[in-house]
Protein backbone atom coordinates (compact mmCIF):
# COMPACT_ATOMS: atom_id res chain seq x y z
CA UNK A 1 -15.32 -16.67 -10.69
CA UNK A 2 -14.69 -12.94 -10.72
CA UNK A 3 -15.12 -10.39 -8.01
CA UNK A 4 -17.01 -11.10 -4.86
CA UNK A 5 -19.77 -13.17 -6.47
CA UNK A 6 -18.53 -16.29 -4.72
CA UNK A 7 -18.51 -14.65 -1.27
CA UNK A 8 -21.40 -15.39 1.04
CA UNK A 9 -22.44 -14.56 4.58
CA UNK A 10 -19.70 -13.70 7.06
CA UNK A 11 -17.00 -13.87 4.41
CA UNK A 12 -18.78 -11.17 2.38
CA UNK A 13 -19.18 -8.98 5.48
CA UNK A 14 -15.48 -9.42 6.37
CA UNK A 15 -14.47 -8.66 2.80
CA UNK A 16 -16.61 -5.51 2.68
CA UNK A 17 -15.23 -4.43 6.07
CA UNK A 18 -11.68 -5.08 4.83
CA UNK A 19 -12.31 -3.01 1.72
CA UNK A 20 -13.68 -0.11 3.78
CA UNK A 21 -10.75 -0.36 6.20
CA UNK A 22 -8.27 -0.35 3.32
CA UNK A 23 -9.98 2.66 1.79
CA UNK A 24 -9.76 4.53 5.10
CA UNK A 25 -6.09 3.65 5.45
CA UNK A 26 -5.38 4.87 1.93
CA UNK A 27 -7.00 8.18 2.77
CA UNK A 28 -5.43 8.59 6.20
CA UNK A 29 -2.13 6.93 5.35
CA UNK A 30 -1.42 9.42 2.59
CA UNK A 31 -2.19 12.22 4.97
CA UNK A 32 -4.83 14.84 4.65
CA UNK A 33 -3.94 18.22 3.25
CA UNK A 34 -1.11 19.35 5.54
CA UNK A 35 -1.49 22.93 4.33
CA UNK A 36 -5.02 23.16 5.74
CA UNK A 37 -5.81 26.38 7.58
CA UNK A 38 -7.05 26.51 11.15
CA UNK A 39 -10.61 26.93 9.87
CA UNK A 40 -10.26 23.82 7.70
CA UNK A 41 -8.87 21.91 10.67
CA UNK A 42 -11.86 22.90 12.82
CA UNK A 43 -14.29 21.75 10.11
CA UNK A 44 -12.36 18.50 9.70
CA UNK A 45 -12.65 17.79 13.43
CA UNK A 46 -16.35 18.65 13.48
CA UNK A 47 -16.90 16.41 10.45
CA UNK A 48 -15.06 13.52 12.10
CA UNK A 49 -17.14 13.55 15.28
CA UNK A 50 -20.48 14.72 13.89
CA UNK A 51 -23.52 12.50 14.24
CA UNK A 52 -25.33 14.51 11.53
CA UNK A 53 -22.86 15.09 8.71
CA UNK A 54 -25.62 15.90 6.19
CA UNK A 55 -26.35 19.13 8.08
CA UNK A 56 -22.66 19.90 8.45
CA UNK A 57 -22.10 19.49 4.70
CA UNK A 58 -24.53 22.37 4.02
CA UNK A 59 -21.94 24.77 5.47
CA UNK A 60 -19.56 24.11 2.58
CA UNK A 61 -19.40 26.41 -0.44
CA UNK A 62 -20.53 24.53 -3.58
CA UNK A 63 -17.83 24.11 -6.21
CA UNK A 64 -14.89 24.25 -3.81
CA UNK A 65 -12.45 21.41 -3.26
CA UNK A 66 -13.66 21.03 0.33
CA UNK A 67 -17.24 20.74 -0.88
CA UNK A 68 -16.41 17.90 -3.27
CA UNK A 69 -13.99 16.22 -0.86
CA UNK A 70 -16.33 16.05 2.13
CA UNK A 71 -19.40 15.13 0.12
CA UNK A 72 -17.64 12.27 -1.67
CA UNK A 73 -16.03 11.15 1.60
CA UNK A 74 -19.41 11.17 3.35
CA UNK A 75 -21.06 9.22 0.55
CA UNK A 76 -18.28 6.64 0.56
CA UNK A 77 -18.51 6.24 4.33
CA UNK A 78 -22.27 5.76 4.18
CA UNK A 79 -22.09 3.22 1.36
CA UNK A 80 -23.55 5.53 -1.31
CA UNK A 81 -20.78 4.71 -3.75
CA UNK A 82 -22.58 5.80 -6.94
CA UNK A 83 -23.27 9.25 -5.47
CA UNK A 84 -19.66 9.50 -4.41
CA UNK A 85 -18.50 8.70 -7.95
CA UNK A 86 -20.71 11.49 -9.33
CA UNK A 87 -19.18 14.02 -6.92
CA UNK A 88 -15.64 12.89 -7.77
CA UNK A 89 -16.32 13.13 -11.52
CA UNK A 90 -17.83 16.63 -11.08
CA UNK A 91 -14.85 17.61 -8.92
CA UNK A 92 -12.40 16.49 -11.59
CA UNK A 93 -14.25 18.24 -14.42
CA UNK A 94 -14.65 21.52 -12.51
CA UNK A 95 -11.34 21.80 -10.63
CA UNK A 96 -8.92 19.43 -12.37
CA UNK A 97 -6.37 17.09 -10.81
CA UNK A 98 -5.14 17.47 -7.24
CA UNK A 99 -3.59 15.27 -4.60
CA UNK A 100 -6.87 15.09 -2.69
CA UNK A 101 -8.73 14.10 -5.84
CA UNK A 102 -6.20 11.32 -6.51
CA UNK A 103 -6.77 9.98 -3.00
CA UNK A 104 -10.53 10.00 -3.47
CA UNK A 105 -10.24 8.18 -6.81
CA UNK A 106 -8.12 5.54 -5.11
CA UNK A 107 -10.66 5.16 -2.31
CA UNK A 108 -13.47 5.04 -4.87
CA UNK A 109 -11.80 2.26 -6.83
CA UNK A 110 -11.39 0.23 -3.64
CA UNK A 111 -15.05 0.73 -2.70
CA UNK A 112 -16.14 -0.26 -6.21
CA UNK A 113 -14.12 -3.47 -6.15
CA UNK A 114 -17.10 -5.64 -5.18
CA UNK A 115 -19.16 -4.36 -8.13
CA UNK A 116 -16.36 -3.75 -10.65
CA UNK A 117 -13.30 -5.82 -9.71
CA UNK A 118 -11.60 -5.54 -13.11
CA UNK A 119 -12.04 -1.77 -13.29
CA UNK A 120 -10.76 -1.34 -9.74
CA UNK A 121 -7.82 -3.61 -10.37
CA UNK A 122 -6.92 -1.83 -13.61
CA UNK A 123 -7.09 1.59 -11.92
CA UNK A 124 -4.92 0.51 -8.97
CA UNK A 125 -2.36 -1.21 -11.21
CA UNK A 126 -2.07 1.87 -13.41
CA UNK A 127 -2.16 4.43 -10.59
CA UNK A 128 0.51 2.72 -8.51
CA UNK A 129 2.56 1.49 -11.49
CA UNK A 130 2.21 -2.17 -10.57
CA UNK A 131 3.29 -4.59 -13.27
CA UNK A 132 2.03 -8.15 -13.10
CA UNK A 133 3.05 -9.33 -16.53
CA UNK A 134 5.92 -11.48 -15.26
CA UNK A 135 5.93 -15.10 -16.36
CA UNK A 136 4.34 -17.62 -14.07
CA UNK A 137 6.81 -19.96 -12.39
CA UNK A 138 7.03 -23.48 -13.77
CA UNK A 139 5.61 -26.21 -11.58
CA UNK A 140 8.82 -28.22 -11.57
CA UNK A 141 11.13 -25.22 -11.20
CA UNK A 142 11.74 -25.88 -7.50
CA UNK A 143 12.75 -29.47 -8.28
CA UNK A 144 15.68 -28.20 -10.36
CA UNK A 145 17.07 -25.97 -7.61
CA UNK A 146 19.68 -27.22 -5.16
CA UNK A 147 18.28 -28.27 -1.81
CA UNK A 148 21.67 -28.55 -0.03
CA UNK A 149 24.88 -26.56 -0.04
CA UNK A 150 28.25 -28.07 -0.77
CA UNK A 151 30.28 -28.42 2.46
CA UNK A 152 33.19 -26.59 0.83
CA UNK A 153 31.00 -23.52 0.35
CA UNK A 154 30.09 -23.27 4.04
CA UNK A 155 33.35 -24.56 5.59
CA UNK A 156 34.26 -22.02 8.28
CA UNK A 157 38.02 -22.49 8.06
CA UNK A 158 37.97 -22.30 4.26
CA UNK A 159 36.08 -19.02 4.45
CA UNK A 160 38.58 -17.57 6.95
CA UNK A 161 41.56 -18.77 4.86
CA UNK A 162 40.00 -17.19 1.77
CA UNK A 163 39.66 -13.88 3.62
CA UNK A 164 43.30 -14.07 4.71
CA UNK A 165 44.49 -14.39 1.10
CA UNK A 166 44.30 -10.61 0.85
CA UNK A 167 47.52 -9.38 2.52
CA UNK A 168 47.00 -7.53 5.80
CA UNK A 169 43.22 -7.47 5.38
CA UNK A 170 41.93 -8.69 8.72
CA UNK A 171 39.27 -6.01 8.36
CA UNK A 172 37.47 -8.33 5.95
CA UNK A 173 36.95 -10.79 8.81
CA UNK A 174 34.07 -10.33 11.24
CA UNK A 175 35.26 -9.54 14.79
CA UNK A 176 33.70 -12.73 16.14
CA UNK A 177 35.91 -14.79 13.76
CA UNK A 178 39.22 -13.15 14.71
CA UNK A 179 39.88 -15.84 17.32
CA UNK A 180 39.71 -18.49 14.59
CA UNK A 181 41.79 -16.38 12.21
CA UNK A 182 44.63 -15.67 14.64
CA UNK A 183 46.20 -19.18 14.52
CA UNK A 184 46.06 -19.11 10.72
CA UNK A 185 47.81 -15.74 10.62
CA UNK A 186 50.55 -17.01 12.97
CA UNK A 187 51.20 -20.04 10.79
CA UNK A 188 51.86 -17.88 7.70
């Protein structure tokens, strides 16, 4: 089974909500453009609290980064993922790469996960440099590992004596063990 085809009912709703939440965190967690001017900040605040973002989007100058950013963000937030992809592709072809564009591509890939899980996964693996080509662990690998430690390895006095082998190196002994080390030092 690939993707979300096996999800039904509440599980599908929770998964979609989780994907949207993750996409929002990616956008907000990476920070918005810190170099934004006061005018940009005012628009950002109005956009965040607006009940009619469609009207607000008409204020933006077509072809600018803000135009593409807010349109694609609005389409993602309203579930119009295909329209968002078109804006992001136009943005990339007209203005080239930018940090904001990278963030929107990441969000887009997360939103598209339910319809294109392999494409989303491939994008995220490549974008974040995640390598998952490590060998799978063997089923019986845990059976070959030790489940207990030898008493000589964890013997408190043996550990203190070993530390005292270095001449005048009480600094290698934790302060809480100095009381145990003192009688051993006296006997030397």
